[in-house]
Amino acid sequence: MKKHNAQLGSEPSGHIVIRKHIMASDGIFAALCVMQAALTRNNLALATFTHNPHALQNVVVTEKIPLTHPALAGALATFTQTFPGAFQIVRYSGTERLLRVYVEAATQAQATSCAAHLATQLSTTIQMLTSLERETSAPPTIHGQRTA
């Protein structure tokens, strides 16, 4: 989407992203935007819409740690710097314990590789943060003997 300044993008799961208006999925709004673009550009066959190679990785999570957490935000920033030609959308599922990692790249092989790399990085970071959170929130263990 960034490379072509596209205002409309989609995921295989059916989610549609409309850059200027809404970064979440709204099917009716998306359909109206597609219709407006097709009519405005006299492109009723949608022949000029570009397909970008993409990959989707689902990461099973036990906790949905905010993606704004410094460790996760850092992993996303590092990915963007390491793979400047790739476009990613990372979000938690609203209905399942999943982190969805969607990546577009110049080729299908790059998209698949980048999505797998980012999914692994985020999964490892989330597991570490979840483990640390459990350690710090565990009730203290009391050692000692009872006296009579």
Protein backbone atom coordinates (compact mmCIF):
# COMPACT_ATOMS: atom_id res chain seq x y z
CA MET A 1 0.00 0.00 0.00
CA LYS A 2 2.81 2.42 0.89
CA LYS A 3 4.87 1.69 -2.23
CA HIS A 4 1.98 2.46 -4.60
CA ASN A 5 0.30 5.03 -2.34
CA ALA A 6 -2.70 2.72 -2.42
CA GLN A 7 -5.68 3.80 -0.40
CA LEU A 8 -7.25 0.35 -0.33
CA GLY A 9 -5.77 -2.98 0.69
CA SER A 10 -7.05 -6.34 1.84
CA GLU A 11 -6.12 -9.52 3.68
CA PRO A 12 -6.97 -13.10 2.71
CA SER A 13 -9.14 -13.25 5.83
CA GLY A 14 -11.45 -10.73 4.20
CA HIS A 15 -10.39 -7.67 6.15
CA ILE A 16 -10.15 -4.52 4.07
CA VAL A 17 -7.96 -1.57 5.02
CA ILE A 18 -8.82 1.94 3.83
CA ARG A 19 -5.83 4.12 4.61
CA LYS A 20 -7.46 7.58 4.75
CA HIS A 21 -10.55 6.54 6.65
CA ILE A 22 -10.32 3.43 8.77
CA MET A 23 -7.56 0.95 9.59
CA ALA A 24 -10.09 -1.64 10.74
CA SER A 25 -12.50 -3.78 8.78
CA ASP A 26 -15.90 -2.39 7.80
CA GLY A 27 -17.39 -4.33 4.89
CA ILE A 28 -20.14 -1.89 3.91
CA PHE A 29 -17.81 1.11 4.04
CA ALA A 30 -15.17 -0.80 2.05
CA ALA A 31 -17.72 -1.76 -0.63
CA LEU A 32 -18.79 1.87 -0.99
CA CYS A 33 -15.15 2.99 -1.33
CA VAL A 34 -14.47 0.37 -4.02
CA MET A 35 -17.60 1.45 -5.88
CA GLN A 36 -16.59 5.12 -5.64
CA ALA A 37 -13.08 4.37 -6.93
CA ALA A 38 -14.40 2.27 -9.82
CA LEU A 39 -16.89 4.96 -10.86
CA THR A 40 -14.49 7.87 -10.43
CA ARG A 41 -11.81 6.20 -12.55
CA ASN A 42 -14.21 4.65 -15.07
CA ASN A 43 -12.76 1.30 -14.03
CA LEU A 44 -15.88 -0.78 -13.58
CA ALA A 45 -13.98 -4.01 -14.40
CA LEU A 46 -11.45 -3.10 -11.67
CA ALA A 47 -8.67 -3.83 -14.17
CA THR A 48 -6.20 -1.39 -12.64
CA PHE A 49 -6.38 -2.76 -9.10
CA THR A 50 -2.98 -4.23 -8.25
CA HIS A 51 -2.48 -7.55 -6.51
CA ASN A 52 0.45 -7.48 -4.09
CA PRO A 53 2.14 -10.68 -2.95
CA HIS A 54 1.28 -11.22 0.70
CA ALA A 55 1.46 -13.70 3.54
CA LEU A 56 -0.50 -14.11 6.75
CA GLN A 57 0.89 -15.80 9.87
CA ASN A 58 -1.28 -16.48 12.90
CA VAL A 59 0.55 -16.62 16.22
CA VAL A 60 -1.22 -18.34 19.12
CA VAL A 61 -0.91 -16.22 22.28
CA THR A 62 -1.92 -16.78 25.87
CA GLU A 63 -1.98 -13.06 26.68
CA LYS A 64 -2.73 -10.11 24.39
CA ILE A 65 0.04 -7.78 25.48
CA PRO A 66 -0.48 -4.31 23.94
CA LEU A 67 1.51 -3.85 20.73
CA THR A 68 2.54 -0.47 22.13
CA HIS A 69 4.61 -2.24 24.80
CA PRO A 70 8.20 -1.02 24.25
CA ALA A 71 9.54 -4.53 23.50
CA LEU A 72 6.87 -5.22 20.86
CA ALA A 73 6.99 -1.71 19.39
CA GLY A 74 10.77 -2.12 19.18
CA ALA A 75 10.44 -5.43 17.31
CA LEU A 76 8.05 -3.79 14.83
CA ALA A 77 10.37 -0.81 14.34
CA THR A 78 13.34 -3.12 13.78
CA PHE A 79 11.36 -5.07 11.19
CA THR A 80 10.46 -1.86 9.34
CA GLN A 81 14.12 -0.79 9.27
CA THR A 82 15.37 -4.25 8.26
CA PHE A 83 12.77 -4.79 5.52
CA PRO A 84 11.96 -1.29 4.20
CA GLY A 85 10.13 -2.59 1.11
CA ALA A 86 7.70 -4.68 3.12
CA PHE A 87 4.36 -3.46 4.44
CA GLN A 88 2.91 -5.06 7.55
CA ILE A 89 -0.28 -5.03 9.55
CA VAL A 90 -0.08 -6.63 12.98
CA ARG A 91 -3.15 -6.95 15.18
CA TYR A 92 -4.78 -9.26 17.64
CA SER A 93 -7.84 -11.21 16.61
CA GLY A 94 -10.99 -9.89 18.20
CA THR A 95 -12.41 -13.36 18.71
CA GLU A 96 -9.46 -15.72 19.17
CA ARG A 97 -6.20 -15.80 21.13
CA LEU A 98 -4.25 -15.02 17.97
CA LEU A 99 -1.86 -12.34 16.79
CA ARG A 100 -2.31 -11.85 13.06
CA VAL A 101 0.85 -10.90 11.14
CA TYR A 102 0.13 -9.79 7.57
CA VAL A 103 2.99 -8.79 5.26
CA GLU A 104 3.10 -7.54 1.66
CA ALA A 105 6.38 -7.58 -0.27
CA ALA A 106 7.73 -7.48 -3.84
CA THR A 107 7.57 -11.28 -4.28
CA GLN A 108 5.61 -14.10 -2.68
CA ALA A 109 8.84 -15.61 -1.33
CA GLN A 110 9.77 -12.31 0.35
CA ALA A 111 6.28 -11.88 1.81
CA THR A 112 6.31 -15.42 3.23
CA SER A 113 9.83 -15.07 4.62
CA CYS A 114 9.18 -11.64 6.15
CA ALA A 115 5.88 -12.74 7.72
CA ALA A 116 7.53 -15.82 9.24
CA HIS A 117 10.43 -13.73 10.55
CA LEU A 118 8.18 -11.10 12.11
CA ALA A 119 5.79 -13.71 13.56
CA THR A 120 8.71 -15.53 15.20
CA GLN A 121 10.11 -12.30 16.65
CA LEU A 122 6.77 -11.21 18.06
CA SER A 123 5.91 -14.68 19.37
CA THR A 124 9.24 -14.95 21.21
CA THR A 125 8.84 -11.46 22.67
CA ILE A 126 5.24 -12.08 23.79
CA GLN A 127 6.22 -15.39 25.42
CA MET A 128 9.05 -13.65 27.29
CA LEU A 129 6.80 -10.80 28.44
CA THR A 130 4.05 -13.20 29.50
CA SER A 131 6.54 -15.25 31.49
CA LEU A 132 7.96 -12.14 33.20
CA GLU A 133 4.45 -10.88 33.98
CA ARG A 134 3.55 -14.18 35.63
CA GLU A 135 6.75 -14.18 37.69
CA THR A 136 6.21 -10.66 38.98
CA SER A 137 2.51 -11.13 39.73
CA ALA A 138 2.85 -14.47 41.53
CA PRO A 139 1.97 -14.38 45.25
CA PRO A 140 5.01 -14.50 47.49
CA THR A 141 6.02 -17.89 48.80
CA ILE A 142 6.18 -18.02 52.59
CA HIS A 143 8.94 -20.12 54.07
CA GLY A 144 9.31 -20.97 57.69
CA GLN A 145 7.85 -22.98 60.51
CA ARG A 146 4.82 -22.48 62.60
CA THR A 147 5.55 -22.00 66.26
CA ALA A 148 3.31 -23.31 69.01
